[in-house]
């Protein structure tokens, strides 16, 4: 929801911050990979119970995710491979953080929270998958309440403020609502296209 509303409007400001912190010659793909490494670190910290460290690592990874695209676009270095690589690393990052949370609750023997986290993991995987499949048959499908930026913020809040279980409930419900919204939106767009074609015929 945030990214669909704001788009790339913050790019000039994010680019200025990135250039100040990292210089202007940093490869955007390296930033993308750095974000994944930070998320892997967050997963490890969450799995062993260092939730505040995990939350900070999630925020650091989110910052990398903001900066890589802004740098690529502002430096004229945006490429199809860069977009593909960013998307793949995002999926790895999303799922590895949830795996860390899953391992923590598995070690604690909390079966109900393991099931809850698994439901979140399924929803998290399906949100971008449904978009990718939808955009194979319609032009764009960015509708939905819970896109990646919202999920990152929620997980960071859950880790930093010891609110992980209520946050997992929010994610479990709203990731799947987002999937349903995207399915319905795609159905509606295709139906309108079919109705229009029928009317023209």
N, C-alpha and C. Protein backbone atom coordinates (compact mmCIF):
# COMPACT_ATOMS: atom_id res chain seq x y z
N UNK A 1 0.82 -1.20 0.00
CA UNK A 1 0.00 0.00 0.00
C UNK A 1 0.87 1.26 0.00
N UNK A 2 1.92 1.27 0.86
CA UNK A 2 2.80 2.44 0.90
C UNK A 2 3.49 2.66 -0.44
N UNK A 3 4.08 1.59 -0.97
CA UNK A 3 4.84 1.72 -2.22
C UNK A 3 3.95 2.08 -3.39
N UNK A 4 2.70 1.57 -3.40
CA UNK A 4 1.80 1.90 -4.51
C UNK A 4 1.34 3.35 -4.43
N UNK A 5 1.25 3.91 -3.21
CA UNK A 5 0.84 5.31 -3.04
C UNK A 5 1.99 6.27 -3.33
N UNK A 6 3.19 5.92 -2.84
CA UNK A 6 4.33 6.85 -2.95
C UNK A 6 5.11 6.64 -4.24
N UNK A 7 5.22 5.37 -4.66
CA UNK A 7 6.01 5.06 -5.86
C UNK A 7 7.47 5.41 -5.65
N UNK A 8 8.05 6.12 -6.64
CA UNK A 8 9.47 6.49 -6.55
C UNK A 8 9.64 7.98 -6.22
N UNK A 9 8.63 8.58 -5.61
CA UNK A 9 8.70 10.02 -5.34
C UNK A 9 9.80 10.38 -4.34
N UNK A 10 10.14 9.45 -3.48
CA UNK A 10 11.19 9.73 -2.48
C UNK A 10 12.59 9.45 -3.01
N UNK A 11 12.69 8.95 -4.24
CA UNK A 11 14.00 8.57 -4.80
C UNK A 11 15.07 9.67 -4.67
N UNK A 12 14.78 10.94 -5.04
CA UNK A 12 15.84 11.96 -4.96
C UNK A 12 16.40 12.12 -3.55
N UNK A 13 15.52 12.04 -2.55
CA UNK A 13 15.95 12.22 -1.16
C UNK A 13 16.71 10.99 -0.66
N UNK A 14 16.18 9.81 -1.02
CA UNK A 14 16.86 8.57 -0.63
C UNK A 14 18.23 8.49 -1.29
N UNK A 15 18.30 8.92 -2.55
CA UNK A 15 19.57 8.89 -3.27
C UNK A 15 20.60 9.81 -2.61
N UNK A 16 20.16 10.99 -2.19
CA UNK A 16 21.08 11.91 -1.51
C UNK A 16 21.65 11.30 -0.23
N UNK A 17 20.79 10.64 0.54
CA UNK A 17 21.23 9.98 1.77
C UNK A 17 22.20 8.85 1.44
N UNK A 18 21.84 8.03 0.44
CA UNK A 18 22.70 6.90 0.06
C UNK A 18 24.06 7.38 -0.43
N UNK A 19 24.05 8.44 -1.23
CA UNK A 19 25.31 8.97 -1.76
C UNK A 19 26.18 9.52 -0.63
N UNK A 20 25.54 10.15 0.36
CA UNK A 20 26.27 10.70 1.50
C UNK A 20 26.88 9.57 2.35
N UNK A 21 26.10 8.51 2.57
CA UNK A 21 26.56 7.42 3.43
C UNK A 21 27.54 6.48 2.74
N UNK A 22 27.32 6.24 1.44
CA UNK A 22 28.05 5.16 0.77
C UNK A 22 28.91 5.63 -0.40
N UNK A 23 28.75 6.88 -0.81
CA UNK A 23 29.43 7.33 -2.02
C UNK A 23 28.58 7.02 -3.23
N UNK A 24 28.97 7.56 -4.37
CA UNK A 24 28.12 7.40 -5.55
C UNK A 24 28.51 6.23 -6.44
N UNK A 25 29.56 5.50 -6.08
CA UNK A 25 30.02 4.42 -6.95
C UNK A 25 29.64 3.02 -6.47
N UNK A 26 28.78 2.96 -5.45
CA UNK A 26 28.37 1.65 -4.94
C UNK A 26 27.47 0.96 -5.95
N UNK A 27 27.75 -0.30 -6.22
CA UNK A 27 26.93 -1.08 -7.14
C UNK A 27 25.58 -1.37 -6.49
N UNK A 28 24.45 -0.99 -7.12
CA UNK A 28 23.13 -1.25 -6.52
C UNK A 28 22.90 -2.73 -6.21
N UNK A 29 23.43 -3.63 -7.06
CA UNK A 29 23.25 -5.05 -6.80
C UNK A 29 23.97 -5.49 -5.52
N UNK A 30 25.09 -4.83 -5.21
CA UNK A 30 25.81 -5.12 -3.97
C UNK A 30 24.96 -4.69 -2.77
N UNK A 31 24.29 -3.56 -2.91
CA UNK A 31 23.38 -3.11 -1.84
C UNK A 31 22.24 -4.11 -1.65
N UNK A 32 21.70 -4.59 -2.75
CA UNK A 32 20.64 -5.59 -2.70
C UNK A 32 21.09 -6.82 -1.93
N UNK A 33 22.28 -7.31 -2.27
CA UNK A 33 22.81 -8.50 -1.60
C UNK A 33 23.11 -8.22 -0.13
N UNK A 34 23.58 -7.00 0.15
CA UNK A 34 23.86 -6.62 1.55
C UNK A 34 22.57 -6.66 2.38
N UNK A 35 21.47 -6.24 1.76
CA UNK A 35 20.18 -6.31 2.45
C UNK A 35 19.82 -7.74 2.79
N UNK A 36 20.07 -8.65 1.86
CA UNK A 36 19.80 -10.07 2.13
C UNK A 36 20.67 -10.58 3.27
N UNK A 37 21.96 -10.22 3.28
CA UNK A 37 22.85 -10.66 4.35
C UNK A 37 22.37 -10.15 5.70
N UNK A 38 21.93 -8.89 5.75
CA UNK A 38 21.40 -8.34 6.99
C UNK A 38 20.14 -9.09 7.44
N UNK A 39 19.29 -9.45 6.49
CA UNK A 39 18.09 -10.21 6.85
C UNK A 39 18.44 -11.61 7.32
N UNK A 40 19.47 -12.21 6.72
CA UNK A 40 19.93 -13.52 7.20
C UNK A 40 20.45 -13.39 8.63
N UNK A 41 21.18 -12.29 8.90
CA UNK A 41 21.64 -12.04 10.26
C UNK A 41 20.47 -11.84 11.21
N UNK A 42 19.45 -11.11 10.75
CA UNK A 42 18.25 -10.91 11.56
C UNK A 42 17.59 -12.25 11.89
N UNK A 43 17.51 -13.13 10.89
CA UNK A 43 16.91 -14.45 11.10
C UNK A 43 17.66 -15.22 12.18
N UNK A 44 18.99 -15.18 12.12
CA UNK A 44 19.81 -15.88 13.12
C UNK A 44 19.56 -15.30 14.51
N UNK A 45 19.57 -13.97 14.62
CA UNK A 45 19.37 -13.32 15.92
C UNK A 45 17.97 -13.62 16.47
N UNK A 46 16.97 -13.59 15.61
CA UNK A 46 15.61 -13.92 16.06
C UNK A 46 15.51 -15.38 16.50
N UNK A 47 16.17 -16.26 15.77
CA UNK A 47 16.12 -17.69 16.10
C UNK A 47 16.71 -18.00 17.47
N UNK A 48 17.74 -17.25 17.86
CA UNK A 48 18.39 -17.51 19.15
C UNK A 48 17.85 -16.59 20.26
N UNK A 49 16.84 -15.78 19.93
CA UNK A 49 16.17 -15.01 20.97
C UNK A 49 16.63 -13.58 21.15
N UNK A 50 17.56 -13.09 20.31
CA UNK A 50 17.99 -11.69 20.39
C UNK A 50 17.09 -10.84 19.50
N UNK A 51 15.88 -10.62 19.99
CA UNK A 51 14.87 -10.00 19.13
C UNK A 51 15.18 -8.54 18.79
N UNK A 52 15.72 -7.79 19.75
CA UNK A 52 16.01 -6.38 19.46
C UNK A 52 17.11 -6.25 18.40
N UNK A 53 18.14 -7.07 18.50
CA UNK A 53 19.18 -7.08 17.46
C UNK A 53 18.60 -7.49 16.12
N UNK A 54 17.69 -8.46 16.15
CA UNK A 54 17.03 -8.88 14.91
C UNK A 54 16.20 -7.77 14.31
N UNK A 55 15.49 -7.02 15.17
CA UNK A 55 14.68 -5.90 14.69
C UNK A 55 15.53 -4.81 14.05
N UNK A 56 16.67 -4.51 14.66
CA UNK A 56 17.57 -3.49 14.09
C UNK A 56 18.13 -3.96 12.75
N UNK A 57 18.46 -5.26 12.66
CA UNK A 57 18.98 -5.80 11.40
C UNK A 57 17.91 -5.75 10.30
N UNK A 58 16.65 -5.99 10.66
CA UNK A 58 15.55 -5.89 9.69
C UNK A 58 15.44 -4.46 9.17
N UNK A 59 15.55 -3.48 10.08
CA UNK A 59 15.48 -2.07 9.66
C UNK A 59 16.65 -1.70 8.76
N UNK A 60 17.86 -2.21 9.10
CA UNK A 60 19.03 -1.96 8.26
C UNK A 60 18.87 -2.54 6.87
N UNK A 61 18.31 -3.74 6.82
CA UNK A 61 18.06 -4.38 5.52
C UNK A 61 17.02 -3.59 4.73
N UNK A 62 16.00 -3.08 5.42
CA UNK A 62 14.98 -2.26 4.76
C UNK A 62 15.58 -1.00 4.17
N UNK A 63 16.56 -0.41 4.88
CA UNK A 63 17.24 0.78 4.36
C UNK A 63 18.01 0.45 3.09
N UNK A 64 18.70 -0.70 3.09
CA UNK A 64 19.40 -1.14 1.87
C UNK A 64 18.42 -1.31 0.72
N UNK A 65 17.24 -1.85 1.04
CA UNK A 65 16.23 -2.09 0.01
C UNK A 65 15.71 -0.77 -0.57
N UNK A 66 15.61 0.25 0.29
CA UNK A 66 15.22 1.57 -0.19
C UNK A 66 16.28 2.17 -1.11
N UNK A 67 17.55 2.02 -0.69
CA UNK A 67 18.63 2.72 -1.37
C UNK A 67 19.03 2.08 -2.69
N UNK A 68 18.93 0.74 -2.80
CA UNK A 68 19.44 0.10 -4.02
C UNK A 68 18.69 0.55 -5.27
N UNK A 69 17.36 0.58 -5.19
CA UNK A 69 16.57 1.02 -6.34
C UNK A 69 16.77 2.49 -6.65
N UNK A 70 16.81 3.32 -5.58
CA UNK A 70 17.00 4.77 -5.78
C UNK A 70 18.34 5.05 -6.45
N UNK A 71 19.39 4.34 -6.02
CA UNK A 71 20.72 4.54 -6.62
C UNK A 71 20.72 4.09 -8.08
N UNK A 72 20.13 2.94 -8.34
CA UNK A 72 20.11 2.42 -9.71
C UNK A 72 19.38 3.37 -10.65
N UNK A 73 18.23 3.88 -10.22
CA UNK A 73 17.44 4.76 -11.09
C UNK A 73 18.12 6.11 -11.27
N UNK A 74 18.67 6.68 -10.20
CA UNK A 74 19.27 8.02 -10.29
C UNK A 74 20.62 8.02 -10.99
N UNK A 75 21.29 6.86 -11.03
CA UNK A 75 22.58 6.77 -11.71
C UNK A 75 22.45 6.21 -13.13
N UNK A 76 21.22 5.93 -13.54
CA UNK A 76 21.02 5.34 -14.86
C UNK A 76 21.55 3.92 -14.95
N UNK A 77 21.57 3.22 -13.80
CA UNK A 77 22.11 1.86 -13.77
C UNK A 77 21.02 0.82 -13.56
N UNK A 78 19.77 1.23 -13.71
CA UNK A 78 18.68 0.28 -13.58
C UNK A 78 18.66 -0.64 -14.79
N UNK A 79 18.66 -1.94 -14.54
CA UNK A 79 18.67 -2.94 -15.62
C UNK A 79 17.61 -4.00 -15.35
N UNK A 80 17.18 -4.73 -16.37
CA UNK A 80 16.24 -5.83 -16.14
C UNK A 80 16.80 -6.87 -15.17
N UNK A 81 18.12 -7.15 -15.29
CA UNK A 81 18.69 -8.13 -14.36
C UNK A 81 18.67 -7.60 -12.93
N UNK A 82 18.95 -6.30 -12.75
CA UNK A 82 18.93 -5.71 -11.41
C UNK A 82 17.55 -5.84 -10.78
N UNK A 83 16.50 -5.58 -11.56
CA UNK A 83 15.13 -5.71 -11.04
C UNK A 83 14.83 -7.16 -10.69
N UNK A 84 15.26 -8.08 -11.55
CA UNK A 84 15.06 -9.51 -11.30
C UNK A 84 15.81 -9.94 -10.04
N UNK A 85 17.07 -9.55 -9.92
CA UNK A 85 17.89 -9.92 -8.78
C UNK A 85 17.30 -9.36 -7.48
N UNK A 86 16.84 -8.11 -7.53
CA UNK A 86 16.23 -7.48 -6.37
C UNK A 86 14.99 -8.25 -5.92
N UNK A 87 14.18 -8.67 -6.87
CA UNK A 87 12.96 -9.41 -6.55
C UNK A 87 13.28 -10.76 -5.91
N UNK A 88 14.28 -11.45 -6.46
CA UNK A 88 14.65 -12.75 -5.91
C UNK A 88 15.21 -12.61 -4.49
N UNK A 89 16.09 -11.62 -4.29
CA UNK A 89 16.66 -11.40 -2.96
C UNK A 89 15.60 -10.98 -1.94
N UNK A 90 14.60 -10.22 -2.41
CA UNK A 90 13.48 -9.84 -1.53
C UNK A 90 12.75 -11.08 -1.04
N UNK A 91 12.50 -12.03 -1.95
CA UNK A 91 11.79 -13.24 -1.54
C UNK A 91 12.63 -14.05 -0.55
N UNK A 92 13.92 -14.21 -0.83
CA UNK A 92 14.80 -14.90 0.12
C UNK A 92 14.77 -14.19 1.47
N UNK A 93 14.86 -12.87 1.45
CA UNK A 93 14.90 -12.09 2.69
C UNK A 93 13.62 -12.26 3.50
N UNK A 94 12.48 -12.13 2.84
CA UNK A 94 11.19 -12.26 3.53
C UNK A 94 11.09 -13.62 4.23
N UNK A 95 11.43 -14.66 3.49
CA UNK A 95 11.20 -16.01 3.99
C UNK A 95 12.24 -16.43 5.02
N UNK A 96 13.47 -15.95 4.88
CA UNK A 96 14.50 -16.36 5.84
C UNK A 96 14.24 -15.71 7.21
N UNK A 97 13.71 -14.48 7.23
CA UNK A 97 13.36 -13.85 8.52
C UNK A 97 12.25 -14.65 9.21
N UNK A 98 11.25 -15.04 8.44
CA UNK A 98 10.17 -15.84 9.02
C UNK A 98 10.66 -17.21 9.46
N UNK A 99 11.64 -17.75 8.75
CA UNK A 99 12.24 -19.02 9.17
C UNK A 99 12.92 -18.86 10.53
N UNK A 100 13.61 -17.74 10.72
CA UNK A 100 14.24 -17.48 12.01
C UNK A 100 13.22 -17.43 13.14
N UNK A 101 12.09 -16.76 12.88
CA UNK A 101 11.02 -16.69 13.89
C UNK A 101 10.45 -18.08 14.15
N UNK A 102 10.26 -18.85 13.08
CA UNK A 102 9.75 -20.21 13.19
C UNK A 102 10.67 -21.07 14.06
N UNK A 103 11.97 -20.95 13.83
CA UNK A 103 12.94 -21.72 14.62
C UNK A 103 12.91 -21.34 16.09
N UNK A 104 12.73 -20.05 16.38
CA UNK A 104 12.65 -19.61 17.79
C UNK A 104 11.48 -20.29 18.50
N UNK A 105 10.31 -20.28 17.86
CA UNK A 105 9.14 -20.87 18.49
C UNK A 105 9.21 -22.40 18.49
N UNK A 106 9.90 -22.96 17.52
CA UNK A 106 10.10 -24.42 17.51
C UNK A 106 10.98 -24.83 18.70
N UNK A 107 12.03 -24.04 18.96
CA UNK A 107 12.90 -24.31 20.11
C UNK A 107 12.14 -24.16 21.42
N UNK A 108 11.18 -23.24 21.44
CA UNK A 108 10.38 -23.02 22.65
C UNK A 108 9.23 -24.03 22.78
N UNK A 109 9.00 -24.81 21.73
CA UNK A 109 7.93 -25.81 21.75
C UNK A 109 6.53 -25.23 21.65
N UNK A 110 6.40 -24.04 21.06
CA UNK A 110 5.09 -23.38 20.94
C UNK A 110 4.41 -23.78 19.63
N UNK A 111 3.72 -24.91 19.68
CA UNK A 111 3.13 -25.47 18.46
C UNK A 111 2.15 -24.51 17.79
N UNK A 112 1.32 -23.85 18.59
CA UNK A 112 0.31 -22.96 18.01
C UNK A 112 0.95 -21.78 17.29
N UNK A 113 2.06 -21.26 17.84
CA UNK A 113 2.75 -20.13 17.19
C UNK A 113 3.53 -20.60 15.97
N UNK A 114 3.99 -21.84 15.99
CA UNK A 114 4.64 -22.42 14.79
C UNK A 114 3.63 -22.46 13.64
N UNK A 115 2.41 -22.91 13.94
CA UNK A 115 1.36 -22.95 12.92
C UNK A 115 1.04 -21.54 12.43
N UNK A 116 0.93 -20.60 13.37
CA UNK A 116 0.64 -19.21 13.02
C UNK A 116 1.73 -18.63 12.11
N UNK A 117 2.98 -18.87 12.46
CA UNK A 117 4.10 -18.36 11.66
C UNK A 117 4.10 -19.01 10.28
N UNK A 118 3.73 -20.28 10.21
CA UNK A 118 3.65 -20.97 8.92
C UNK A 118 2.57 -20.35 8.03
N UNK A 119 1.45 -19.95 8.63
CA UNK A 119 0.39 -19.28 7.88
C UNK A 119 0.89 -17.95 7.34
N UNK A 120 1.67 -17.23 8.16
CA UNK A 120 2.27 -15.96 7.72
C UNK A 120 3.24 -16.22 6.57
N UNK A 121 4.04 -17.26 6.70
CA UNK A 121 5.03 -17.58 5.67
C UNK A 121 4.34 -17.86 4.33
N UNK A 122 3.24 -18.61 4.38
CA UNK A 122 2.49 -18.91 3.15
C UNK A 122 1.94 -17.64 2.53
N UNK A 123 1.33 -16.78 3.36
CA UNK A 123 0.77 -15.53 2.86
C UNK A 123 1.84 -14.62 2.28
N UNK A 124 2.99 -14.56 2.97
CA UNK A 124 4.10 -13.71 2.52
C UNK A 124 4.63 -14.17 1.16
N UNK A 125 4.69 -15.48 0.96
CA UNK A 125 5.14 -16.01 -0.33
C UNK A 125 4.12 -15.77 -1.43
N UNK A 126 2.83 -15.83 -1.07
CA UNK A 126 1.77 -15.72 -2.08
C UNK A 126 1.54 -14.29 -2.56
N UNK A 127 1.74 -13.30 -1.69
CA UNK A 127 1.46 -11.91 -2.09
C UNK A 127 2.23 -11.52 -3.36
N UNK A 128 3.58 -11.66 -3.40
CA UNK A 128 4.28 -11.30 -4.64
C UNK A 128 4.04 -12.30 -5.77
N UNK A 129 3.80 -13.56 -5.43
CA UNK A 129 3.54 -14.55 -6.47
C UNK A 129 2.26 -14.21 -7.24
N UNK A 130 1.22 -13.86 -6.50
CA UNK A 130 -0.06 -13.52 -7.14
C UNK A 130 0.12 -12.28 -8.02
N UNK A 131 0.90 -11.31 -7.54
CA UNK A 131 1.15 -10.12 -8.37
C UNK A 131 1.86 -10.50 -9.66
N UNK A 132 2.90 -11.33 -9.54
CA UNK A 132 3.67 -11.73 -10.73
C UNK A 132 2.78 -12.47 -11.73
N UNK A 133 1.94 -13.38 -11.23
CA UNK A 133 1.05 -14.11 -12.12
C UNK A 133 0.00 -13.18 -12.72
N UNK A 134 -0.52 -12.27 -11.92
CA UNK A 134 -1.54 -11.33 -12.41
C UNK A 134 -0.98 -10.46 -13.51
N UNK A 135 0.26 -9.99 -13.33
CA UNK A 135 0.85 -9.08 -14.31
C UNK A 135 1.29 -9.81 -15.58
N UNK A 136 1.08 -11.12 -15.61
CA UNK A 136 1.22 -11.86 -16.86
C UNK A 136 -0.03 -11.77 -17.72
N UNK A 137 -1.17 -11.39 -17.08
CA UNK A 137 -2.43 -11.34 -17.84
C UNK A 137 -3.08 -9.95 -17.82
N UNK A 138 -2.68 -9.09 -16.86
CA UNK A 138 -3.14 -7.70 -16.86
C UNK A 138 -1.91 -6.81 -16.73
N UNK A 139 -2.11 -5.51 -16.89
CA UNK A 139 -0.96 -4.60 -16.93
C UNK A 139 -0.29 -4.46 -15.58
N UNK A 140 -1.06 -4.25 -14.51
CA UNK A 140 -0.47 -3.96 -13.21
C UNK A 140 -1.38 -4.47 -12.11
N UNK A 141 -0.78 -4.99 -11.03
CA UNK A 141 -1.57 -5.47 -9.90
C UNK A 141 -0.83 -5.14 -8.60
N UNK A 142 -0.98 -3.89 -8.16
CA UNK A 142 -0.30 -3.46 -6.93
C UNK A 142 -1.31 -3.17 -5.81
N UNK A 143 -2.55 -3.63 -5.97
CA UNK A 143 -3.56 -3.39 -4.94
C UNK A 143 -3.24 -4.25 -3.72
N UNK A 144 -3.87 -3.91 -2.61
CA UNK A 144 -3.71 -4.73 -1.41
C UNK A 144 -3.23 -3.94 -0.22
N UNK A 145 -3.65 -4.39 0.95
CA UNK A 145 -3.35 -3.67 2.19
C UNK A 145 -1.92 -3.86 2.67
N UNK A 146 -1.34 -5.03 2.39
CA UNK A 146 -0.07 -5.36 3.04
C UNK A 146 0.99 -5.76 2.03
N UNK A 147 1.70 -4.75 1.50
CA UNK A 147 2.83 -5.03 0.61
C UNK A 147 4.10 -5.16 1.44
N UNK A 148 5.23 -5.28 0.79
CA UNK A 148 6.48 -5.57 1.50
C UNK A 148 6.88 -4.50 2.51
N UNK A 149 6.82 -3.20 2.20
CA UNK A 149 7.23 -2.20 3.19
C UNK A 149 6.47 -2.30 4.50
N UNK A 150 5.14 -2.55 4.40
CA UNK A 150 4.35 -2.70 5.62
C UNK A 150 4.78 -3.93 6.42
N UNK A 151 5.07 -5.02 5.71
CA UNK A 151 5.49 -6.24 6.41
C UNK A 151 6.82 -6.04 7.12
N UNK A 152 7.75 -5.34 6.47
CA UNK A 152 9.06 -5.07 7.08
C UNK A 152 8.89 -4.26 8.36
N UNK A 153 8.10 -3.19 8.29
CA UNK A 153 7.89 -2.33 9.45
C UNK A 153 7.24 -3.12 10.59
N UNK A 154 6.23 -3.91 10.26
CA UNK A 154 5.54 -4.68 11.29
C UNK A 154 6.47 -5.68 11.97
N UNK A 155 7.27 -6.40 11.20
CA UNK A 155 8.20 -7.37 11.79
C UNK A 155 9.25 -6.69 12.66
N UNK A 156 9.74 -5.54 12.20
CA UNK A 156 10.72 -4.79 13.00
C UNK A 156 10.10 -4.34 14.32
N UNK A 157 8.86 -3.83 14.25
CA UNK A 157 8.16 -3.40 15.47
C UNK A 157 7.96 -4.58 16.42
N UNK A 158 7.54 -5.71 15.85
CA UNK A 158 7.33 -6.91 16.67
C UNK A 158 8.59 -7.35 17.38
N UNK A 159 9.72 -7.30 16.67
CA UNK A 159 11.00 -7.72 17.26
C UNK A 159 11.50 -6.71 18.30
N UNK A 160 11.42 -5.43 17.99
CA UNK A 160 11.98 -4.39 18.86
C UNK A 160 11.18 -4.19 20.14
N UNK A 161 9.87 -4.38 20.07
CA UNK A 161 9.01 -4.07 21.21
C UNK A 161 8.34 -5.30 21.82
N UNK A 162 8.89 -6.47 21.52
CA UNK A 162 8.39 -7.74 22.07
C UNK A 162 6.88 -7.91 21.81
N UNK A 163 6.51 -7.64 20.56
CA UNK A 163 5.11 -7.75 20.15
C UNK A 163 4.96 -8.75 19.01
N UNK A 164 5.85 -9.73 18.95
CA UNK A 164 5.89 -10.59 17.77
C UNK A 164 4.62 -11.40 17.57
N UNK A 165 4.04 -11.92 18.64
CA UNK A 165 2.84 -12.75 18.46
C UNK A 165 1.67 -11.94 17.92
N UNK A 166 1.32 -10.76 18.50
CA UNK A 166 0.24 -9.98 17.87
C UNK A 166 0.56 -9.54 16.44
N UNK A 167 1.83 -9.24 16.18
CA UNK A 167 2.22 -8.86 14.82
C UNK A 167 2.04 -10.04 13.86
N UNK A 168 2.37 -11.23 14.31
CA UNK A 168 2.17 -12.42 13.48
C UNK A 168 0.69 -12.63 13.16
N UNK A 169 -0.18 -12.36 14.13
CA UNK A 169 -1.62 -12.46 13.87
C UNK A 169 -2.05 -11.45 12.81
N UNK A 170 -1.55 -10.23 12.92
CA UNK A 170 -1.88 -9.20 11.92
C UNK A 170 -1.41 -9.65 10.53
N UNK A 171 -0.17 -10.14 10.46
CA UNK A 171 0.38 -10.60 9.18
C UNK A 171 -0.38 -11.80 8.64
N UNK A 172 -0.75 -12.72 9.52
CA UNK A 172 -1.48 -13.92 9.08
C UNK A 172 -2.80 -13.55 8.43
N UNK A 173 -3.49 -12.57 9.01
CA UNK A 173 -4.79 -12.16 8.46
C UNK A 173 -4.60 -11.33 7.19
N UNK A 174 -3.76 -10.31 7.26
CA UNK A 174 -3.74 -9.31 6.19
C UNK A 174 -2.91 -9.71 4.98
N UNK A 175 -1.95 -10.62 5.12
CA UNK A 175 -1.29 -11.12 3.91
C UNK A 175 -2.29 -11.88 3.04
N UNK A 176 -3.14 -12.67 3.69
CA UNK A 176 -4.10 -13.46 2.91
C UNK A 176 -5.24 -12.59 2.39
N UNK A 177 -5.60 -11.54 3.13
CA UNK A 177 -6.57 -10.58 2.59
C UNK A 177 -5.99 -9.91 1.35
N UNK A 178 -4.72 -9.57 1.39
CA UNK A 178 -4.05 -8.96 0.22
C UNK A 178 -4.08 -9.89 -0.98
N UNK A 179 -3.82 -11.18 -0.74
CA UNK A 179 -3.90 -12.17 -1.82
C UNK A 179 -5.30 -12.18 -2.43
N UNK A 180 -6.32 -12.20 -1.57
CA UNK A 180 -7.71 -12.22 -2.06
C UNK A 180 -8.02 -10.94 -2.83
N UNK A 181 -7.55 -9.79 -2.32
CA UNK A 181 -7.76 -8.52 -3.03
C UNK A 181 -7.15 -8.57 -4.43
N UNK A 182 -5.97 -9.14 -4.54
CA UNK A 182 -5.30 -9.20 -5.85
C UNK A 182 -5.98 -10.18 -6.80
N UNK A 183 -6.47 -11.28 -6.26
CA UNK A 183 -7.22 -12.23 -7.09
C UNK A 183 -8.49 -11.56 -7.61
N UNK A 184 -9.20 -10.88 -6.71
CA UNK A 184 -10.45 -10.22 -7.11
C UNK A 184 -10.18 -9.10 -8.12
N UNK A 185 -9.14 -8.32 -7.90
CA UNK A 185 -8.81 -7.22 -8.81
C UNK A 185 -8.48 -7.77 -10.20
N UNK A 186 -7.71 -8.84 -10.25
CA UNK A 186 -7.34 -9.44 -11.54
C UNK A 186 -8.58 -9.99 -12.25
N UNK A 187 -9.44 -10.65 -11.50
CA UNK A 187 -10.69 -11.18 -12.08
C UNK A 187 -11.52 -10.04 -12.66
N UNK A 188 -11.63 -8.92 -11.89
CA UNK A 188 -12.42 -7.78 -12.33
C UNK A 188 -11.85 -7.15 -13.59
N UNK A 189 -10.52 -6.99 -13.62
CA UNK A 189 -9.87 -6.40 -14.80
C UNK A 189 -10.07 -7.27 -16.04
N UNK A 190 -9.93 -8.57 -15.88
CA UNK A 190 -10.11 -9.48 -17.01
C UNK A 190 -11.57 -9.51 -17.46
N UNK A 191 -12.49 -9.44 -16.49
CA UNK A 191 -13.92 -9.42 -16.83
C UNK A 191 -14.26 -8.16 -17.61
N UNK A 192 -13.72 -7.01 -17.16
CA UNK A 192 -13.98 -5.76 -17.88
C UNK A 192 -13.42 -5.81 -19.30
N UNK A 193 -12.24 -6.41 -19.42
CA UNK A 193 -11.64 -6.53 -20.76
C UNK A 193 -12.49 -7.43 -21.66
N UNK A 194 -12.98 -8.53 -21.08
CA UNK A 194 -13.83 -9.46 -21.85
C UNK A 194 -15.15 -8.80 -22.23
N UNK A 195 -15.73 -8.06 -21.28
CA UNK A 195 -17.01 -7.37 -21.56
C UNK A 195 -16.83 -6.32 -22.64
N UNK A 196 -15.68 -5.60 -22.57
CA UNK A 196 -15.41 -4.58 -23.57
C UNK A 196 -15.23 -5.19 -24.95
N UNK A 197 -14.50 -6.30 -24.99
CA UNK A 197 -14.29 -6.99 -26.29
C UNK A 197 -15.62 -7.49 -26.86
N UNK A 198 -16.47 -8.00 -25.96
CA UNK A 198 -17.78 -8.49 -26.39
C UNK A 198 -18.65 -7.38 -26.92
N UNK A 199 -18.57 -6.20 -26.23
CA UNK A 199 -19.37 -5.05 -26.65
C UNK A 199 -18.91 -4.52 -28.01
N UNK A 200 -17.60 -4.56 -28.24
CA UNK A 200 -17.07 -4.06 -29.51
C UNK A 200 -17.42 -5.01 -30.65
N UNK A 201 -17.54 -6.30 -30.31
CA UNK A 201 -17.84 -7.27 -31.36
C UNK A 201 -19.28 -7.18 -31.80
